[in-house]
Amino acid sequence: MSPARSTRRGPATLAIDIGGSGLKATVLDPAGRMLAGRVRTDTPDAPSPGELVDALVALVQPLPPFDRISIGFPGVVRDNRVLTAPHFGGDPWRGFPLAQRLAQRLGDKPARLLNDAEVQGYGVIAGRGLELVLTLGTGLGSALFRDGELMPHLEFAQFPALGKKTMNRYVGKAARHKVGGNKWNHRVEKTIAAFRTLLQFDRLYLGGGNAKKLDIDLPPDVLIVSNRAGLTGGIRLWDRGGD
């Protein structure tokens, strides 16, 4: 998406999308339009909390001024703290106040933190019925919405898929490289069928960096969506009680 000049007055939001392989950021106007081109850098290998915060501070330096911060993180998040960080080494992250630490480093701007698939979901859902978002990236991200309302987070990524394999290991990036594109596509088909049986969703959105690798026939209620939503959905974190 090319940068757009905002015609609406209101706070500008720094949107950050933390992925297992890439860190991305932009600044959004009050309508969720990008005010600057997206910046990106590789995610440090198994970063500590401090290393990741340092990388994010450096990443956003070229971006225009902002008033508040939205952050999507690949793990379980609660009350602006990280509970799990399966791609980043786990234990050092438990309970880490990522929103607070990043806010302090970026001028004490208010910050909100949510699971990255949930942020992407906010950027693509229609707000009607039961809508499921699955992101195919380093692992499997998931978010579930009912009539536009975010449901409690379910960490499907760690759910057993085949023997001792979790969903992360079944359809994640490493699995695609290991088993090849054809078999990985078949696994994604089976994953979609399993979630349909489990949830009877009205609409399924597929995102993440590996969604573009899909080469299967998708039913009408399953859509591939742009990964830009992992940033633009950040505006929705401030819909209720925004500063």
C-alpha atoms as a PDB file:
ATOM      1  CA  MET A   1       0.000   0.000   0.000  1.00  0.00           C
ATOM      2  CA  SER A   2       1.401   3.367  -0.947  1.00  0.00           C
ATOM      3  CA  PRO A   3       1.504   6.110   1.708  1.00  0.00           C
ATOM      4  CA  ALA A   4      -1.581   8.313   1.798  1.00  0.00           C
ATOM      5  CA  ARG A   5      -2.112  11.848   3.004  1.00  0.00           C
ATOM      6  CA  SER A   6      -4.649  11.889   5.807  1.00  0.00           C
ATOM      7  CA  THR A   7      -7.620  14.219   5.493  1.00  0.00           C
ATOM      8  CA  ARG A   8      -8.992  13.353   8.942  1.00  0.00           C
ATOM      9  CA  ARG A   9      -7.815  14.875  12.177  1.00  0.00           C
ATOM     10  CA  GLY A  10      -6.926  12.618  15.066  1.00  0.00           C
ATOM     11  CA  PRO A  11      -4.115  10.570  16.587  1.00  0.00           C
ATOM     12  CA  ALA A  12      -1.525   8.828  14.446  1.00  0.00           C
ATOM     13  CA  THR A  13      -0.816   5.211  15.394  1.00  0.00           C
ATOM     14  CA  LEU A  14       2.518   3.455  15.119  1.00  0.00           C
ATOM     15  CA  ALA A  15       1.618  -0.110  14.072  1.00  0.00           C
ATOM     16  CA  ILE A  16       4.191  -2.851  14.673  1.00  0.00           C
ATOM     17  CA  ASP A  17       3.898  -6.426  13.417  1.00  0.00           C
ATOM     18  CA  ILE A  18       6.334  -8.817  15.113  1.00  0.00           C
ATOM     19  CA  GLY A  19       6.844 -12.028  13.170  1.00  0.00           C
ATOM     20  CA  GLY A  20       9.012 -15.057  13.648  1.00  0.00           C
ATOM     21  CA  SER A  21      11.140 -14.065  10.651  1.00  0.00           C
ATOM     22  CA  GLY A  22      10.412 -10.348  10.104  1.00  0.00           C
ATOM     23  CA  LEU A  23       9.643  -7.135  11.985  1.00  0.00           C
ATOM     24  CA  LYS A  24       7.424  -4.611  10.191  1.00  0.00           C
ATOM     25  CA  ALA A  25       6.071  -1.187  11.063  1.00  0.00           C
ATOM     26  CA  THR A  26       4.235   1.828   9.659  1.00  0.00           C
ATOM     27  CA  VAL A  27       2.215   4.811  10.904  1.00  0.00           C
ATOM     28  CA  LEU A  28      -1.572   4.889  10.406  1.00  0.00           C
ATOM     29  CA  ASP A  29      -4.024   7.768  10.231  1.00  0.00           C
ATOM     30  CA  PRO A  30      -7.287   7.605  12.264  1.00  0.00           C
ATOM     31  CA  ALA A  31      -8.969   5.648   9.443  1.00  0.00           C
ATOM     32  CA  GLY A  32      -6.209   3.023   9.395  1.00  0.00           C
ATOM     33  CA  ARG A  33      -4.533   4.254   6.198  1.00  0.00           C
ATOM     34  CA  MET A  34      -0.762   4.153   5.989  1.00  0.00           C
ATOM     35  CA  LEU A  35       0.881   7.547   6.330  1.00  0.00           C
ATOM     36  CA  ALA A  36       4.306   6.142   5.438  1.00  0.00           C
ATOM     37  CA  GLY A  37       5.773   3.227   3.549  1.00  0.00           C
ATOM     38  CA  ARG A  38       6.215   0.048   5.529  1.00  0.00           C
ATOM     39  CA  VAL A  39       9.648  -0.530   7.064  1.00  0.00           C
ATOM     40  CA  ARG A  40      10.959  -4.046   7.615  1.00  0.00           C
ATOM     41  CA  THR A  41      13.935  -5.874   9.046  1.00  0.00           C
ATOM     42  CA  ASP A  42      14.726  -9.503   9.859  1.00  0.00           C
ATOM     43  CA  THR A  43      13.775 -10.720  13.315  1.00  0.00           C
ATOM     44  CA  PRO A  44      16.874 -11.429  15.418  1.00  0.00           C
ATOM     45  CA  ASP A  45      17.464 -15.129  16.010  1.00  0.00           C
ATOM     46  CA  ALA A  46      15.734 -16.158  19.274  1.00  0.00           C
ATOM     47  CA  PRO A  47      15.943 -12.626  20.663  1.00  0.00           C
ATOM     48  CA  SER A  48      15.821 -11.794  24.339  1.00  0.00           C
ATOM     49  CA  PRO A  49      13.169  -9.235  25.311  1.00  0.00           C
ATOM     50  CA  GLY A  50      15.798  -6.503  25.432  1.00  0.00           C
ATOM     51  CA  GLU A  51      17.226  -7.431  22.037  1.00  0.00           C
ATOM     52  CA  LEU A  52      13.804  -7.353  20.418  1.00  0.00           C
ATOM     53  CA  VAL A  53      12.936  -3.985  21.944  1.00  0.00           C
ATOM     54  CA  ASP A  54      16.268  -2.584  20.689  1.00  0.00           C
ATOM     55  CA  ALA A  55      15.540  -3.902  17.183  1.00  0.00           C
ATOM     56  CA  LEU A  56      12.056  -2.363  17.157  1.00  0.00           C
ATOM     57  CA  VAL A  57      13.306   1.023  18.344  1.00  0.00           C
ATOM     58  CA  ALA A  58      15.851   1.048  15.521  1.00  0.00           C
ATOM     59  CA  LEU A  59      13.253  -0.120  12.986  1.00  0.00           C
ATOM     60  CA  VAL A  60      10.804   2.723  13.564  1.00  0.00           C
ATOM     61  CA  GLN A  61      13.319   5.577  13.538  1.00  0.00           C
ATOM     62  CA  PRO A  62      12.636   6.537   9.864  1.00  0.00           C
ATOM     63  CA  LEU A  63       8.864   6.752  10.395  1.00  0.00           C
ATOM     64  CA  PRO A  64       6.912  10.002  10.922  1.00  0.00           C
ATOM     65  CA  PRO A  65       5.698  11.158  14.366  1.00  0.00           C
ATOM     66  CA  PHE A  66       2.950   9.204  16.103  1.00  0.00           C
ATOM     67  CA  ASP A  67       0.753   9.533  19.189  1.00  0.00           C
ATOM     68  CA  ARG A  68       0.206   5.926  20.248  1.00  0.00           C
ATOM     69  CA  ILE A  69       1.445   2.402  19.521  1.00  0.00           C
ATOM     70  CA  SER A  70      -0.193  -0.890  18.495  1.00  0.00           C
ATOM     71  CA  ILE A  71       1.841  -4.104  18.610  1.00  0.00           C
ATOM     72  CA  GLY A  72       1.084  -7.572  17.255  1.00  0.00           C
ATOM     73  CA  PHE A  73       3.110 -10.394  18.879  1.00  0.00           C
ATOM     74  CA  PRO A  74       3.364 -14.103  17.894  1.00  0.00           C
ATOM     75  CA  GLY A  75       2.339 -15.710  21.158  1.00  0.00           C
ATOM     76  CA  VAL A  76      -0.204 -15.589  23.934  1.00  0.00           C
ATOM     77  CA  VAL A  77      -0.726 -12.043  25.207  1.00  0.00           C
ATOM     78  CA  ARG A  78      -2.722 -10.825  28.183  1.00  0.00           C
ATOM     79  CA  ASP A  79      -3.019  -7.379  29.755  1.00  0.00           C
ATOM     80  CA  ASN A  80      -0.276  -6.007  27.477  1.00  0.00           C
ATOM     81  CA  ARG A  81       2.166  -8.667  28.694  1.00  0.00           C
ATOM     82  CA  VAL A  82       3.650 -11.659  26.895  1.00  0.00           C
ATOM     83  CA  LEU A  83       2.670 -15.038  28.340  1.00  0.00           C
ATOM     84  CA  THR A  84       4.280 -17.274  25.714  1.00  0.00           C
ATOM     85  CA  ALA A  85       6.846 -16.689  22.973  1.00  0.00           C
ATOM     86  CA  PRO A  86       7.335 -20.062  21.257  1.00  0.00           C
ATOM     87  CA  HIS A  87       9.482 -18.627  18.453  1.00  0.00           C
ATOM     88  CA  PHE A  88      11.747 -16.627  20.765  1.00  0.00           C
ATOM     89  CA  GLY A  89      12.896 -19.080  23.396  1.00  0.00           C
ATOM     90  CA  GLY A  90       9.953 -19.110  25.764  1.00  0.00           C
ATOM     91  CA  ASP A  91      10.901 -18.681  29.434  1.00  0.00           C
ATOM     92  CA  PRO A  92      12.717 -15.291  29.352  1.00  0.00           C
ATOM     93  CA  TRP A  93       9.576 -13.808  27.839  1.00  0.00           C
ATOM     94  CA  ARG A  94       7.031 -15.057  30.358  1.00  0.00           C
ATOM     95  CA  GLY A  95       5.283 -12.058  31.884  1.00  0.00           C
ATOM     96  CA  PHE A  96       7.392  -9.534  29.977  1.00  0.00           C
ATOM     97  CA  PRO A  97       5.586  -6.127  29.784  1.00  0.00           C
ATOM     98  CA  LEU A  98       6.395  -5.535  26.125  1.00  0.00           C
ATOM     99  CA  ALA A  99       3.892  -2.716  25.612  1.00  0.00           C
ATOM    100  CA  GLN A 100       5.184  -0.811  28.621  1.00  0.00           C
ATOM    101  CA  ARG A 101       8.868  -1.244  27.765  1.00  0.00           C
ATOM    102  CA  LEU A 102       8.421  -0.215  24.156  1.00  0.00           C
ATOM    103  CA  ALA A 103       6.285   2.769  25.186  1.00  0.00           C
ATOM    104  CA  GLN A 104       9.046   3.930  27.515  1.00  0.00           C
ATOM    105  CA  ARG A 105      11.667   3.659  24.783  1.00  0.00           C
ATOM    106  CA  LEU A 106       9.507   5.541  22.256  1.00  0.00           C
ATOM    107  CA  GLY A 107       8.733   8.693  24.174  1.00  0.00           C
ATOM    108  CA  ASP A 108       6.259   7.374  26.761  1.00  0.00           C
ATOM    109  CA  LYS A 109       3.505   7.075  24.167  1.00  0.00           C
ATOM    110  CA  PRO A 110       0.541   4.857  25.149  1.00  0.00           C
ATOM    111  CA  ALA A 111       0.885   1.333  23.771  1.00  0.00           C
ATOM    112  CA  ARG A 112      -1.333  -1.715  23.384  1.00  0.00           C
ATOM    113  CA  LEU A 113      -0.297  -5.301  22.683  1.00  0.00           C
ATOM    114  CA  LEU A 114      -2.264  -8.170  21.128  1.00  0.00           C
ATOM    115  CA  ASN A 115      -1.557 -11.489  19.458  1.00  0.00           C
ATOM    116  CA  ASP A 116      -0.415 -10.876  15.866  1.00  0.00           C
ATOM    117  CA  ALA A 117      -3.094 -13.052  14.236  1.00  0.00           C
ATOM    118  CA  GLU A 118      -5.745 -11.181  16.208  1.00  0.00           C
ATOM    119  CA  VAL A 119      -4.414  -7.852  14.961  1.00  0.00           C
ATOM    120  CA  GLN A 120      -4.500  -9.174  11.388  1.00  0.00           C
ATOM    121  CA  GLY A 121      -8.025 -10.405  11.972  1.00  0.00           C
ATOM    122  CA  TYR A 122      -9.156  -6.951  12.982  1.00  0.00           C
ATOM    123  CA  GLY A 123      -7.885  -5.747   9.621  1.00  0.00           C
ATOM    124  CA  VAL A 124      -9.884  -8.237   7.512  1.00  0.00           C
ATOM    125  CA  ILE A 125     -13.067  -9.418   9.248  1.00  0.00           C
ATOM    126  CA  ALA A 126     -16.510  -8.375   8.074  1.00  0.00           C
ATOM    127  CA  GLY A 127     -17.947  -8.384  11.597  1.00  0.00           C
ATOM    128  CA  ARG A 128     -20.704 -10.902  10.862  1.00  0.00           C
ATOM    129  CA  GLY A 129     -21.013 -14.445  12.119  1.00  0.00           C
ATOM    130  CA  LEU A 130     -18.161 -16.663  13.273  1.00  0.00           C
ATOM    131  CA  GLU A 131     -14.943 -15.615  11.530  1.00  0.00           C
ATOM    132  CA  LEU A 132     -11.662 -17.492  11.891  1.00  0.00           C
ATOM    133  CA  VAL A 133      -8.226 -16.152  10.971  1.00  0.00           C
ATOM    134  CA  LEU A 134      -5.270 -18.494  10.439  1.00  0.00           C
ATOM    135  CA  THR A 135      -1.814 -17.168   9.631  1.00  0.00           C
ATOM    136  CA  LEU A 136       0.684 -19.425   7.897  1.00  0.00           C
ATOM    137  CA  GLY A 137       4.121 -18.157   8.798  1.00  0.00           C
ATOM    138  CA  THR A 138       6.953 -19.406  10.969  1.00  0.00           C
ATOM    139  CA  GLY A 139       4.188 -21.257  12.787  1.00  0.00           C
ATOM    140  CA  LEU A 140       0.386 -21.205  12.791  1.00  0.00           C
ATOM    141  CA  GLY A 141      -1.358 -18.140  14.180  1.00  0.00           C
ATOM    142  CA  SER A 142      -5.055 -18.066  14.971  1.00  0.00           C
ATOM    143  CA  ALA A 143      -7.818 -15.681  15.974  1.00  0.00           C
ATOM    144  CA  LEU A 144     -11.554 -16.146  16.352  1.00  0.00           C
ATOM    145  CA  PHE A 145     -14.257 -13.460  16.142  1.00  0.00           C
ATOM    146  CA  ARG A 146     -18.022 -13.596  16.665  1.00  0.00           C
ATOM    147  CA  ASP A 147     -20.018 -10.751  15.122  1.00  0.00           C
ATOM    148  CA  GLY A 148     -16.855  -8.667  15.155  1.00  0.00           C
ATOM    149  CA  GLU A 149     -16.033  -9.341  18.807  1.00  0.00           C
ATOM    150  CA  LEU A 150     -12.707 -10.990  19.574  1.00  0.00           C
ATOM    151  CA  MET A 151     -13.133 -14.289  21.408  1.00  0.00           C
ATOM    152  CA  PRO A 152     -10.749 -15.490  24.146  1.00  0.00           C
ATOM    153  CA  HIS A 153      -7.457 -16.537  22.590  1.00  0.00           C
ATOM    154  CA  LEU A 154      -7.056 -20.232  21.835  1.00  0.00           C
ATOM    155  CA  GLU A 155      -3.466 -21.279  21.184  1.00  0.00           C
ATOM    156  CA  PHE A 156      -4.207 -23.708  18.369  1.00  0.00           C
ATOM    157  CA  ALA A 157      -0.539 -23.504  17.348  1.00  0.00           C
ATOM    158  CA  GLN A 158       0.371 -25.792  20.252  1.00  0.00           C
ATOM    159  CA  PHE A 159      -2.503 -28.225  19.695  1.00  0.00           C
ATOM    160  CA  PRO A 160      -1.482 -31.774  18.643  1.00  0.00           C
ATOM    161  CA  ALA A 161      -1.919 -32.311  14.909  1.00  0.00           C
ATOM    162  CA  LEU A 162      -0.164 -35.589  14.109  1.00  0.00           C
ATOM    163  CA  GLY A 163       1.323 -37.794  16.775  1.00  0.00           C
ATOM    164  CA  LYS A 164       3.521 -35.500  18.865  1.00  0.00           C
ATOM    165  CA  LYS A 165       3.579 -32.793  16.185  1.00  0.00           C
ATOM    166  CA  THR A 166       1.896 -29.532  17.098  1.00  0.00           C
ATOM    167  CA  MET A 167       0.100 -27.413  14.503  1.00  0.00           C
ATOM    168  CA  ASN A 168       3.200 -25.220  14.417  1.00  0.00           C
ATOM    169  CA  ARG A 169       5.323 -28.187  13.364  1.00  0.00           C
ATOM    170  CA  TYR A 170       2.654 -29.557  11.041  1.00  0.00           C
ATOM    171  CA  VAL A 171       2.070 -26.537   8.796  1.00  0.00           C
ATOM    172  CA  GLY A 172       4.776 -24.072   9.842  1.00  0.00           C
ATOM    173  CA  LYS A 173       7.608 -22.781   7.688  1.00  0.00           C
ATOM    174  CA  ALA A 174      10.047 -25.519   8.716  1.00  0.00           C
ATOM    175  CA  ALA A 175       7.496 -28.199   7.802  1.00  0.00           C
ATOM    176  CA  ARG A 176       7.011 -26.721   4.322  1.00  0.00           C
ATOM    177  CA  HIS A 177      10.752 -26.815   3.699  1.00  0.00           C
ATOM    178  CA  LYS A 178      11.038 -30.347   5.064  1.00  0.00           C
ATOM    179  CA  VAL A 179       8.142 -32.091   3.303  1.00  0.00           C
ATOM    180  CA  GLY A 180       7.940 -29.973   0.136  1.00  0.00           C
ATOM    181  CA  GLY A 181       5.221 -27.797  -1.327  1.00  0.00           C
ATOM    182  CA  ASN A 182       2.801 -30.497  -2.462  1.00  0.00           C
ATOM    183  CA  LYS A 183       2.648 -32.335   0.839  1.00  0.00           C
ATOM    184  CA  TRP A 184       2.529 -29.056   2.774  1.00  0.00           C
ATOM    185  CA  ASN A 185      -0.448 -27.894   0.684  1.00  0.00           C
ATOM    186  CA  HIS A 186      -2.197 -31.167   1.478  1.00  0.00           C
ATOM    187  CA  ARG A 187      -1.533 -30.579   5.170  1.00  0.00           C
ATOM    188  CA  VAL A 188      -3.087 -27.119   4.943  1.00  0.00           C
ATOM    189  CA  GLU A 189      -6.174 -28.637   3.280  1.00  0.00           C
ATOM    190  CA  LYS A 190      -6.490 -31.097   6.149  1.00  0.00           C
ATOM    191  CA  THR A 191      -6.002 -28.277   8.653  1.00  0.00           C
ATOM    192  CA  ILE A 192      -8.817 -26.250   7.073  1.00  0.00           C
ATOM    193  CA  ALA A 193     -11.090 -29.307   7.196  1.00  0.00           C
ATOM    194  CA  ALA A 194     -10.221 -29.905  10.855  1.00  0.00           C
ATOM    195  CA  PHE A 195     -11.058 -26.332  11.830  1.00  0.00           C
ATOM    196  CA  ARG A 196     -14.307 -26.502   9.884  1.00  0.00           C
ATOM    197  CA  THR A 197     -15.311 -29.595  11.848  1.00  0.00           C
ATOM    198  CA  LEU A 198     -14.235 -28.025  15.135  1.00  0.00           C
ATOM    199  CA  LEU A 199     -15.782 -24.559  14.741  1.00  0.00           C
ATOM    200  CA  GLN A 200     -18.236 -24.590  11.807  1.00  0.00           C
ATOM    201  CA  PHE A 201     -16.960 -21.127  10.912  1.00  0.00           C
ATOM    202  CA  ASP A 202     -18.852 -18.819   8.564  1.00  0.00           C
ATOM    203  CA  ARG A 203     -15.671 -17.418   7.035  1.00  0.00           C
ATOM    204  CA  LEU A 204     -11.996 -18.356   7.208  1.00  0.00           C
ATOM    205  CA  TYR A 205      -9.232 -15.905   6.336  1.00  0.00           C
ATOM    206  CA  LEU A 206      -5.746 -17.193   5.529  1.00  0.00           C
ATOM    207  CA  GLY A 207      -2.817 -14.819   5.970  1.00  0.00           C
ATOM    208  CA  GLY A 208       0.853 -14.956   6.858  1.00  0.00           C
ATOM    209  CA  GLY A 209       3.919 -15.059   4.660  1.00  0.00           C
ATOM    210  CA  ASN A 210       3.308 -18.606   3.444  1.00  0.00           C
ATOM    211  CA  ALA A 211      -0.317 -18.082   2.375  1.00  0.00           C
ATOM    212  CA  LYS A 212       0.995 -17.056  -1.039  1.00  0.00           C
ATOM    213  CA  LYS A 213       2.583 -20.509  -1.310  1.00  0.00           C
ATOM    214  CA  LEU A 214      -0.814 -22.185  -1.338  1.00  0.00           C
ATOM    215  CA  ASP A 215      -1.730 -24.045  -4.516  1.00  0.00           C
ATOM    216  CA  ILE A 216      -5.067 -25.604  -3.652  1.00  0.00           C
ATOM    217  CA  ASP A 217      -8.690 -24.987  -4.580  1.00  0.00           C
ATOM    218  CA  LEU A 218     -10.287 -23.016  -1.768  1.00  0.00           C
ATOM    219  CA  PRO A 219     -14.033 -23.090  -1.081  1.00  0.00           C
ATOM    220  CA  PRO A 220     -15.954 -19.785  -1.326  1.00  0.00           C
ATOM    221  CA  ASP A 221     -15.905 -19.234   2.440  1.00  0.00           C
ATOM    222  CA  VAL A 222     -12.100 -19.398   2.649  1.00  0.00           C
ATOM    223  CA  LEU A 223     -10.155 -16.328   1.508  1.00  0.00           C
ATOM    224  CA  ILE A 224      -6.457 -15.451   1.269  1.00  0.00           C
ATOM    225  CA  VAL A 225      -5.905 -11.943   2.656  1.00  0.00           C
ATOM    226  CA  SER A 226      -3.113  -9.386   2.481  1.00  0.00           C
ATOM    227  CA  ASN A 227      -0.467  -9.359   5.173  1.00  0.00           C
ATOM    228  CA  ARG A 228      -0.778  -5.556   5.287  1.00  0.00           C
ATOM    229  CA  ALA A 229      -3.691  -6.223   7.633  1.00  0.00           C
ATOM    230  CA  GLY A 230      -1.152  -7.266  10.272  1.00  0.00           C
ATOM    231  CA  LEU A 231      -0.321  -3.556  10.419  1.00  0.00           C
ATOM    232  CA  THR A 232      -3.537  -1.798   9.408  1.00  0.00           C
ATOM    233  CA  GLY A 233      -5.565  -3.872  11.875  1.00  0.00           C
ATOM    234  CA  GLY A 234      -3.586  -2.185  14.639  1.00  0.00           C
ATOM    235  CA  ILE A 235      -5.909   0.804  14.528  1.00  0.00           C
ATOM    236  CA  ARG A 236      -8.693  -1.369  15.980  1.00  0.00           C
ATOM    237  CA  LEU A 237      -6.788  -1.856  19.232  1.00  0.00           C
ATOM    238  CA  TRP A 238      -7.820   1.711  20.037  1.00  0.00           C
ATOM    239  CA  ASP A 239     -11.502   1.467  19.082  1.00  0.00           C
ATOM    240  CA  ARG A 240     -12.572   1.144  22.698  1.00  0.00           C
ATOM    241  CA  GLY A 241     -11.330   3.656  25.214  1.00  0.00           C
ATOM    242  CA  GLY A 242      -8.529   4.928  22.987  1.00  0.00           C
ATOM    243  CA  ASP A 243      -6.309   7.709  24.296  1.00  0.00           C
END
